Amino acid sequence: MMYGYGFRPNNRLFSGGGGTDADASSFITAASITDGTQQDAINQLVVDLKGYSIWSKLEAIYPYVGGNATAHSYNLKDTSEFQITWSGGVTHDANGVTGNGTNGYGNTNFVDSTHLTDFISFGVYSRTDSQSAVMDIGGTGATTSNALGCKFSSTGVYAVVMDGGTQRKVTATSLGLFTANRSDASNRAIYINGAEYTYSNPSSIYTSRNMYVLARNNNDSSVDFYSSRNLAFAFIGNSLTTTEQADLYTAVQAYQTTLSRNV
């Protein structure tokens, strides 16, 4: 059965009429999620991502559910890989993770050159509406970067995707799902709540550095651009199509709505 743009797969259709998906169950066990609503939300998120054929393209998925540092560290895609190491002042609660803007961040232990099979896509779901010169996710190498700031300045979203050049997209808010995507050697795009804003650049190269959340890994020598935003989701994976970006937003927004923390 094919689904048109914007339609969310139904759990009953994709999971055989009920039950918990095996990957969702693995995460629920590892993260010690005991709340029934949270369990249902995680299960539906996995089912939706698989139904949209996005699951296989993502390498690290952080749903930030469970309310504590340990639960928020696990990768939904594979709990044995890319577990976040938290440092400094990061607050963990039912709304996800919140940086302190001075020394709080999380090291995803994900390196693009080692683990990606394609160009990159990455992003966060922000619950904080603010204009601030910070990076909500990112890592920079000697000559190239992957970084995203939901509303870096009055010129809007700041994005660098496997290159040394930046792109801005004016936005009135920093609320919702913000992603950066590289589709090929020349084309990049910013997505805000599933809507695409394309731009191009002639060069691309992997950073070969760990990606951080709530800050930027500066060439493995320092950490900078600390964020104080509240993030309720983050992901890193291979390039997604425009339709897949819209579907990702649909799935993530449904997930946040179930948890009563959607914006």
C-alpha atoms as a PDB file:
ATOM      1  CA  MET A   1       0.000   0.000   0.000  1.00  0.00           C
ATOM      2  CA  MET A   2       1.379   3.420  -0.941  1.00  0.00           C
ATOM      3  CA  TYR A   3       0.968   6.522   1.195  1.00  0.00           C
ATOM      4  CA  GLY A   4       0.718  10.032  -0.121  1.00  0.00           C
ATOM      5  CA  TYR A   5       2.560  13.101   1.107  1.00  0.00           C
ATOM      6  CA  GLY A   6       1.836  13.956   4.742  1.00  0.00           C
ATOM      7  CA  PHE A   7      -0.002  10.754   5.691  1.00  0.00           C
ATOM      8  CA  ARG A   8       1.264   8.898   8.743  1.00  0.00           C
ATOM      9  CA  PRO A   9       1.484   5.095   8.584  1.00  0.00           C
ATOM     10  CA  ASN A  10      -0.892   3.335  10.919  1.00  0.00           C
ATOM     11  CA  ASN A  11       0.533   1.084  13.637  1.00  0.00           C
ATOM     12  CA  ARG A  12      -2.064  -1.589  12.985  1.00  0.00           C
ATOM     13  CA  LEU A  13      -1.129  -1.783   9.318  1.00  0.00           C
ATOM     14  CA  PHE A  14       2.616  -2.047   9.884  1.00  0.00           C
ATOM     15  CA  SER A  15       2.855  -4.147  13.053  1.00  0.00           C
ATOM     16  CA  GLY A  16       0.404  -6.862  12.236  1.00  0.00           C
ATOM     17  CA  GLY A  17      -2.469  -5.521  14.331  1.00  0.00           C
ATOM     18  CA  GLY A  18      -0.656  -4.682  17.544  1.00  0.00           C
ATOM     19  CA  GLY A  19       2.258  -5.690  19.735  1.00  0.00           C
ATOM     20  CA  THR A  20       5.593  -3.990  20.253  1.00  0.00           C
ATOM     21  CA  ASP A  21       8.171  -3.695  17.502  1.00  0.00           C
ATOM     22  CA  ALA A  22      11.372  -5.597  18.345  1.00  0.00           C
ATOM     23  CA  ASP A  23      13.608  -2.542  17.929  1.00  0.00           C
ATOM     24  CA  ALA A  24      11.287  -0.445  20.075  1.00  0.00           C
ATOM     25  CA  SER A  25      11.281  -3.187  22.703  1.00  0.00           C
ATOM     26  CA  SER A  26      15.098  -3.266  22.774  1.00  0.00           C
ATOM     27  CA  PHE A  27      15.219   0.473  23.398  1.00  0.00           C
ATOM     28  CA  ILE A  28      12.470   0.371  26.034  1.00  0.00           C
ATOM     29  CA  THR A  29      14.406  -2.305  27.917  1.00  0.00           C
ATOM     30  CA  ALA A  30      17.813  -0.604  27.660  1.00  0.00           C
ATOM     31  CA  ALA A  31      16.468   2.808  28.664  1.00  0.00           C
ATOM     32  CA  SER A  32      14.252   1.352  31.420  1.00  0.00           C
ATOM     33  CA  ILE A  33      11.099   3.015  30.071  1.00  0.00           C
ATOM     34  CA  THR A  34       8.244   1.894  32.326  1.00  0.00           C
ATOM     35  CA  ASP A  35       5.588   4.512  31.549  1.00  0.00           C
ATOM     36  CA  GLY A  36       2.919   3.098  29.225  1.00  0.00           C
ATOM     37  CA  THR A  37       2.414   6.311  27.233  1.00  0.00           C
ATOM     38  CA  GLN A  38       6.147   6.630  26.636  1.00  0.00           C
ATOM     39  CA  GLN A  39       6.348   2.999  25.561  1.00  0.00           C
ATOM     40  CA  ASP A  40       3.495   3.482  23.102  1.00  0.00           C
ATOM     41  CA  ALA A  41       5.093   6.665  21.738  1.00  0.00           C
ATOM     42  CA  ILE A  42       8.432   4.952  21.133  1.00  0.00           C
ATOM     43  CA  ASN A  43       6.781   1.967  19.485  1.00  0.00           C
ATOM     44  CA  GLN A  44       4.724   4.129  17.164  1.00  0.00           C
ATOM     45  CA  LEU A  45       7.754   6.234  16.240  1.00  0.00           C
ATOM     46  CA  VAL A  46       9.698   3.132  15.204  1.00  0.00           C
ATOM     47  CA  VAL A  47       6.734   1.746  13.284  1.00  0.00           C
ATOM     48  CA  ASP A  48       6.197   5.065  11.508  1.00  0.00           C
ATOM     49  CA  LEU A  49       9.852   5.450  10.526  1.00  0.00           C
ATOM     50  CA  LYS A  50       9.864   1.930   9.143  1.00  0.00           C
ATOM     51  CA  GLY A  51       6.569   2.497   7.371  1.00  0.00           C
ATOM     52  CA  TYR A  52       8.012   5.551   5.644  1.00  0.00           C
ATOM     53  CA  SER A  53      11.187   3.589   4.727  1.00  0.00           C
ATOM     54  CA  ILE A  54      13.282   6.093   6.686  1.00  0.00           C
ATOM     55  CA  TRP A  55      14.471   3.787   9.475  1.00  0.00           C
ATOM     56  CA  SER A  56      17.129   2.068   7.363  1.00  0.00           C
ATOM     57  CA  LYS A  57      18.687   5.419   6.382  1.00  0.00           C
ATOM     58  CA  LEU A  58      19.145   6.704   9.924  1.00  0.00           C
ATOM     59  CA  GLU A  59      22.138   5.696  12.040  1.00  0.00           C
ATOM     60  CA  ALA A  60      21.515   7.500  15.319  1.00  0.00           C
ATOM     61  CA  ILE A  61      18.074   8.423  16.703  1.00  0.00           C
ATOM     62  CA  TYR A  62      17.760  10.107  20.087  1.00  0.00           C
ATOM     63  CA  PRO A  63      14.104  10.344  21.231  1.00  0.00           C
ATOM     64  CA  TYR A  64      15.052  11.866  24.610  1.00  0.00           C
ATOM     65  CA  VAL A  65      12.428  10.015  26.579  1.00  0.00           C
ATOM     66  CA  GLY A  66      12.638   8.654  30.137  1.00  0.00           C
ATOM     67  CA  GLY A  67      13.518  11.842  31.980  1.00  0.00           C
ATOM     68  CA  ASN A  68      17.089  11.056  33.015  1.00  0.00           C
ATOM     69  CA  ALA A  69      20.624  11.191  31.610  1.00  0.00           C
ATOM     70  CA  THR A  70      20.940   7.446  31.091  1.00  0.00           C
ATOM     71  CA  ALA A  71      17.643   7.038  29.237  1.00  0.00           C
ATOM     72  CA  HIS A  72      18.414  10.111  27.130  1.00  0.00           C
ATOM     73  CA  SER A  73      21.790   8.724  26.116  1.00  0.00           C
ATOM     74  CA  TYR A  74      20.523   5.699  24.174  1.00  0.00           C
ATOM     75  CA  ASN A  75      20.317   5.437  20.405  1.00  0.00           C
ATOM     76  CA  LEU A  76      16.887   4.139  19.369  1.00  0.00           C
ATOM     77  CA  LYS A  77      18.281   2.662  16.147  1.00  0.00           C
ATOM     78  CA  ASP A  78      20.772   0.455  18.008  1.00  0.00           C
ATOM     79  CA  THR A  79      21.261   0.775  21.768  1.00  0.00           C
ATOM     80  CA  SER A  80      24.748  -0.761  21.496  1.00  0.00           C
ATOM     81  CA  GLU A  81      26.030   2.059  19.272  1.00  0.00           C
ATOM     82  CA  PHE A  82      26.496   5.821  19.524  1.00  0.00           C
ATOM     83  CA  GLN A  83      25.414   6.187  23.141  1.00  0.00           C
ATOM     84  CA  ILE A  84      25.693   9.839  24.152  1.00  0.00           C
ATOM     85  CA  THR A  85      28.287  10.829  26.739  1.00  0.00           C
ATOM     86  CA  TRP A  86      26.917  13.834  28.660  1.00  0.00           C
ATOM     87  CA  SER A  87      29.207  16.548  30.009  1.00  0.00           C
ATOM     88  CA  GLY A  88      28.744  19.755  31.988  1.00  0.00           C
ATOM     89  CA  GLY A  89      25.385  21.239  32.886  1.00  0.00           C
ATOM     90  CA  VAL A  90      22.627  19.434  30.981  1.00  0.00           C
ATOM     91  CA  THR A  91      19.137  19.173  32.477  1.00  0.00           C
ATOM     92  CA  HIS A  92      17.148  16.000  31.870  1.00  0.00           C
ATOM     93  CA  ASP A  93      13.387  15.880  32.363  1.00  0.00           C
ATOM     94  CA  ALA A  94      10.129  14.819  30.701  1.00  0.00           C
ATOM     95  CA  ASN A  95      10.617  17.439  27.969  1.00  0.00           C
ATOM     96  CA  GLY A  96      14.000  16.089  26.877  1.00  0.00           C
ATOM     97  CA  VAL A  97      17.453  17.629  27.308  1.00  0.00           C
ATOM     98  CA  THR A  98      18.318  21.265  27.983  1.00  0.00           C
ATOM     99  CA  GLY A  99      21.776  22.811  27.854  1.00  0.00           C
ATOM    100  CA  ASN A 100      22.995  25.563  30.167  1.00  0.00           C
ATOM    101  CA  GLY A 101      24.651  27.605  27.425  1.00  0.00           C
ATOM    102  CA  THR A 102      28.069  27.526  29.066  1.00  0.00           C
ATOM    103  CA  ASN A 103      29.475  24.000  29.391  1.00  0.00           C
ATOM    104  CA  GLY A 104      26.691  21.458  28.810  1.00  0.00           C
ATOM    105  CA  TYR A 105      26.747  19.143  25.801  1.00  0.00           C
ATOM    106  CA  GLY A 106      26.495  15.538  24.642  1.00  0.00           C
ATOM    107  CA  ASN A 107      29.028  13.602  22.568  1.00  0.00           C
ATOM    108  CA  THR A 108      27.114  11.225  20.275  1.00  0.00           C
ATOM    109  CA  ASN A 109      30.330   9.338  19.458  1.00  0.00           C
ATOM    110  CA  PHE A 110      29.175   9.318  15.825  1.00  0.00           C
ATOM    111  CA  VAL A 111      31.775   9.972  13.114  1.00  0.00           C
ATOM    112  CA  ASP A 112      30.433  10.681   9.632  1.00  0.00           C
ATOM    113  CA  SER A 113      33.382   9.326   7.635  1.00  0.00           C
ATOM    114  CA  THR A 114      33.285   6.018   9.508  1.00  0.00           C
ATOM    115  CA  HIS A 115      29.584   5.277   9.687  1.00  0.00           C
ATOM    116  CA  LEU A 116      27.774   6.915   6.783  1.00  0.00           C
ATOM    117  CA  THR A 117      27.247   5.176   3.446  1.00  0.00           C
ATOM    118  CA  ASP A 118      25.917   8.298   1.703  1.00  0.00           C
ATOM    119  CA  PHE A 119      25.814  12.054   2.174  1.00  0.00           C
ATOM    120  CA  ILE A 120      24.537  13.244   5.539  1.00  0.00           C
ATOM    121  CA  SER A 121      21.252  14.342   7.094  1.00  0.00           C
ATOM    122  CA  PHE A 122      20.990  15.495  10.709  1.00  0.00           C
ATOM    123  CA  GLY A 123      18.748  17.581  12.904  1.00  0.00           C
ATOM    124  CA  VAL A 124      17.004  18.375  16.182  1.00  0.00           C
ATOM    125  CA  TYR A 125      13.526  19.096  17.512  1.00  0.00           C
ATOM    126  CA  SER A 126      13.662  22.337  19.491  1.00  0.00           C
ATOM    127  CA  ARG A 127      11.100  23.337  22.124  1.00  0.00           C
ATOM    128  CA  THR A 128      12.758  26.692  22.832  1.00  0.00           C
ATOM    129  CA  ASP A 129      11.930  29.811  20.857  1.00  0.00           C
ATOM    130  CA  SER A 130      15.039  31.985  20.974  1.00  0.00           C
ATOM    131  CA  GLN A 131      17.563  33.792  18.820  1.00  0.00           C
ATOM    132  CA  SER A 132      21.039  32.838  19.952  1.00  0.00           C
ATOM    133  CA  ALA A 133      24.454  32.303  18.340  1.00  0.00           C
ATOM    134  CA  VAL A 134      24.650  28.625  19.305  1.00  0.00           C
ATOM    135  CA  MET A 135      24.887  25.218  17.651  1.00  0.00           C
ATOM    136  CA  ASP A 136      22.218  22.688  18.577  1.00  0.00           C
ATOM    137  CA  ILE A 137      24.126  19.883  16.865  1.00  0.00           C
ATOM    138  CA  GLY A 138      27.479  19.840  15.131  1.00  0.00           C
ATOM    139  CA  GLY A 139      31.080  18.882  14.597  1.00  0.00           C
ATOM    140  CA  THR A 140      33.832  20.548  12.617  1.00  0.00           C
ATOM    141  CA  GLY A 141      36.997  19.121  11.110  1.00  0.00           C
ATOM    142  CA  ALA A 142      40.116  20.844   9.844  1.00  0.00           C
ATOM    143  CA  THR A 143      38.444  22.220   6.698  1.00  0.00           C
ATOM    144  CA  THR A 144      34.792  21.208   6.769  1.00  0.00           C
ATOM    145  CA  SER A 145      31.843  21.115   9.163  1.00  0.00           C
ATOM    146  CA  ASN A 146      28.437  19.661   9.951  1.00  0.00           C
ATOM    147  CA  ALA A 147      26.557  22.104  12.146  1.00  0.00           C
ATOM    148  CA  LEU A 148      23.050  23.420  12.708  1.00  0.00           C
ATOM    149  CA  GLY A 149      21.764  26.309  14.798  1.00  0.00           C
ATOM    150  CA  CYS A 150      17.960  26.583  14.788  1.00  0.00           C
ATOM    151  CA  LYS A 151      17.925  30.396  14.946  1.00  0.00           C
ATOM    152  CA  PHE A 152      21.513  31.576  15.068  1.00  0.00           C
ATOM    153  CA  SER A 153      20.872  35.260  14.392  1.00  0.00           C
ATOM    154  CA  SER A 154      18.468  37.675  12.745  1.00  0.00           C
ATOM    155  CA  THR A 155      19.427  36.037   9.442  1.00  0.00           C
ATOM    156  CA  GLY A 156      17.881  32.814  10.758  1.00  0.00           C
ATOM    157  CA  VAL A 157      18.949  29.181  10.689  1.00  0.00           C
ATOM    158  CA  TYR A 158      22.671  28.496  10.465  1.00  0.00           C
ATOM    159  CA  ALA A 159      23.630  25.347   8.586  1.00  0.00           C
ATOM    160  CA  VAL A 160      26.883  23.821   7.345  1.00  0.00           C
ATOM    161  CA  VAL A 161      26.647  20.423   5.673  1.00  0.00           C
ATOM    162  CA  MET A 162      29.869  18.582   4.792  1.00  0.00           C
ATOM    163  CA  ASP A 163      31.568  21.780   3.658  1.00  0.00           C
ATOM    164  CA  GLY A 164      33.193  25.009   4.797  1.00  0.00           C
ATOM    165  CA  GLY A 165      30.491  27.405   3.636  1.00  0.00           C
ATOM    166  CA  THR A 166      27.406  28.430   5.585  1.00  0.00           C
ATOM    167  CA  GLN A 167      23.815  29.032   4.621  1.00  0.00           C
ATOM    168  CA  ARG A 168      21.113  30.989   6.427  1.00  0.00           C
ATOM    169  CA  LYS A 169      17.353  30.778   6.180  1.00  0.00           C
ATOM    170  CA  VAL A 170      15.287  33.485   7.822  1.00  0.00           C
ATOM    171  CA  THR A 171      12.812  32.010  10.278  1.00  0.00           C
ATOM    172  CA  ALA A 172      10.447  33.633  12.745  1.00  0.00           C
ATOM    173  CA  THR A 173      10.885  30.871  15.307  1.00  0.00           C
ATOM    174  CA  SER A 174      13.257  28.168  16.513  1.00  0.00           C
ATOM    175  CA  LEU A 175      10.412  25.817  17.445  1.00  0.00           C
ATOM    176  CA  GLY A 176      10.011  22.413  15.817  1.00  0.00           C
ATOM    177  CA  LEU A 177      12.100  20.053  13.695  1.00  0.00           C
ATOM    178  CA  PHE A 178      15.133  21.619  12.016  1.00  0.00           C
ATOM    179  CA  THR A 179      17.297  19.478   9.751  1.00  0.00           C
ATOM    180  CA  ALA A 180      20.240  19.913   7.397  1.00  0.00           C
ATOM    181  CA  ASN A 181      20.690  17.619   4.411  1.00  0.00           C
ATOM    182  CA  ARG A 182      23.221  16.984   1.666  1.00  0.00           C
ATOM    183  CA  SER A 183      21.696  15.168  -1.309  1.00  0.00           C
ATOM    184  CA  ASP A 184      24.804  15.005  -3.528  1.00  0.00           C
ATOM    185  CA  ALA A 185      28.174  16.663  -4.118  1.00  0.00           C
ATOM    186  CA  SER A 186      26.617  20.013  -5.018  1.00  0.00           C
ATOM    187  CA  ASN A 187      23.241  20.350  -3.319  1.00  0.00           C
ATOM    188  CA  ARG A 188      22.335  21.018   0.294  1.00  0.00           C
ATOM    189  CA  ALA A 189      19.087  21.966   1.977  1.00  0.00           C
ATOM    190  CA  ILE A 190      17.641  23.214   5.228  1.00  0.00           C
ATOM    191  CA  TYR A 191      14.275  21.806   6.324  1.00  0.00           C
ATOM    192  CA  ILE A 192      12.040  23.500   8.874  1.00  0.00           C
ATOM    193  CA  ASN A 193       9.141  21.307   9.991  1.00  0.00           C
ATOM    194  CA  GLY A 194       9.382  19.340   6.756  1.00  0.00           C
ATOM    195  CA  ALA A 195       9.475  22.358   4.425  1.00  0.00           C
ATOM    196  CA  GLU A 196      12.498  22.550   2.118  1.00  0.00           C
ATOM    197  CA  TYR A 197      14.854  25.445   1.458  1.00  0.00           C
ATOM    198  CA  THR A 198      17.547  24.445  -1.045  1.00  0.00           C
ATOM    199  CA  TYR A 199      20.952  25.872  -1.764  1.00  0.00           C
ATOM    200  CA  SER A 200      24.129  24.684  -3.467  1.00  0.00           C
ATOM    201  CA  ASN A 201      27.873  24.538  -2.917  1.00  0.00           C
ATOM    202  CA  PRO A 202      30.579  23.023  -5.114  1.00  0.00           C
ATOM    203  CA  SER A 203      32.546  21.013  -2.558  1.00  0.00           C
ATOM    204  CA  SER A 204      31.907  18.325   0.021  1.00  0.00           C
ATOM    205  CA  ILE A 205      33.967  16.162   2.349  1.00  0.00           C
ATOM    206  CA  TYR A 206      33.442  14.234   5.571  1.00  0.00           C
ATOM    207  CA  THR A 207      34.485  15.965   8.800  1.00  0.00           C
ATOM    208  CA  SER A 208      35.834  12.767  10.445  1.00  0.00           C
ATOM    209  CA  ARG A 209      34.870  14.206  13.838  1.00  0.00           C
ATOM    210  CA  ASN A 210      32.329  13.212  16.481  1.00  0.00           C
ATOM    211  CA  MET A 211      28.998  15.027  16.316  1.00  0.00           C
ATOM    212  CA  TYR A 212      27.900  16.808  19.518  1.00  0.00           C
ATOM    213  CA  VAL A 213      24.435  17.927  20.623  1.00  0.00           C
ATOM    214  CA  LEU A 214      23.807  21.210  22.477  1.00  0.00           C
ATOM    215  CA  ALA A 215      27.202  22.460  21.263  1.00  0.00           C
ATOM    216  CA  ARG A 216      29.786  22.072  18.497  1.00  0.00           C
ATOM    217  CA  ASN A 217      32.808  19.808  18.555  1.00  0.00           C
ATOM    218  CA  ASN A 218      35.546  22.142  17.308  1.00  0.00           C
ATOM    219  CA  ASN A 219      38.004  19.825  15.530  1.00  0.00           C
ATOM    220  CA  ASP A 220      38.383  17.619  18.628  1.00  0.00           C
ATOM    221  CA  SER A 221      40.361  20.442  20.268  1.00  0.00           C
ATOM    222  CA  SER A 222      37.583  22.334  22.058  1.00  0.00           C
ATOM    223  CA  VAL A 223      33.815  22.696  22.476  1.00  0.00           C
ATOM    224  CA  ASP A 224      32.045  25.911  21.535  1.00  0.00           C
ATOM    225  CA  PHE A 225      28.693  27.514  20.634  1.00  0.00           C
ATOM    226  CA  TYR A 226      26.946  25.988  23.659  1.00  0.00           C
ATOM    227  CA  SER A 227      23.147  25.895  23.371  1.00  0.00           C
ATOM    228  CA  SER A 228      20.625  26.483  26.156  1.00  0.00           C
ATOM    229  CA  ARG A 229      17.676  25.222  24.115  1.00  0.00           C
ATOM    230  CA  ASN A 230      15.417  22.365  25.149  1.00  0.00           C
ATOM    231  CA  LEU A 231      15.714  19.540  22.609  1.00  0.00           C
ATOM    232  CA  ALA A 232      13.157  16.745  22.437  1.00  0.00           C
ATOM    233  CA  PHE A 233      14.671  14.720  19.567  1.00  0.00           C
ATOM    234  CA  ALA A 234      17.849  14.478  17.516  1.00  0.00           C
ATOM    235  CA  PHE A 235      19.052  12.287  14.667  1.00  0.00           C
ATOM    236  CA  ILE A 236      22.009  11.642  12.347  1.00  0.00           C
ATOM    237  CA  GLY A 237      21.838   9.553   9.202  1.00  0.00           C
ATOM    238  CA  ASN A 238      22.254   9.281   5.501  1.00  0.00           C
ATOM    239  CA  SER A 239      20.738  11.746   3.048  1.00  0.00           C
ATOM    240  CA  LEU A 240      16.925  11.898   2.935  1.00  0.00           C
ATOM    241  CA  THR A 241      14.757  12.951   0.016  1.00  0.00           C
ATOM    242  CA  THR A 242      12.395  15.902   0.244  1.00  0.00           C
ATOM    243  CA  THR A 243       9.435  13.563   0.710  1.00  0.00           C
ATOM    244  CA  GLU A 244      11.303  11.617   3.408  1.00  0.00           C
ATOM    245  CA  GLN A 245      12.082  14.847   5.258  1.00  0.00           C
ATOM    246  CA  ALA A 246       8.376  15.707   5.275  1.00  0.00           C
ATOM    247  CA  ASP A 247       7.534  12.183   6.444  1.00  0.00           C
ATOM    248  CA  LEU A 248      10.180  12.408   9.167  1.00  0.00           C
ATOM    249  CA  TYR A 249       8.541  15.568  10.473  1.00  0.00           C
ATOM    250  CA  THR A 250       5.116  13.889  10.441  1.00  0.00           C
ATOM    251  CA  ALA A 251       6.447  10.942  12.454  1.00  0.00           C
ATOM    252  CA  VAL A 252       8.390  13.074  14.938  1.00  0.00           C
ATOM    253  CA  GLN A 253       5.548  15.540  15.445  1.00  0.00           C
ATOM    254  CA  ALA A 254       3.137  12.660  16.133  1.00  0.00           C
ATOM    255  CA  TYR A 255       5.659  11.272  18.639  1.00  0.00           C
ATOM    256  CA  GLN A 256       5.940  14.600  20.451  1.00  0.00           C
ATOM    257  CA  THR A 257       2.169  15.010  20.438  1.00  0.00           C
ATOM    258  CA  THR A 258       1.693  11.636  22.153  1.00  0.00           C
ATOM    259  CA  LEU A 259       4.115  12.803  24.843  1.00  0.00           C
ATOM    260  CA  SER A 260       2.267  16.183  25.178  1.00  0.00           C
ATOM    261  CA  ARG A 261       5.409  18.165  24.358  1.00  0.00           C
ATOM    262  CA  ASN A 262       4.783  19.101  20.727  1.00  0.00           C
ATOM    263  CA  VAL A 263       5.335  22.685  19.546  1.00  0.00           C
END
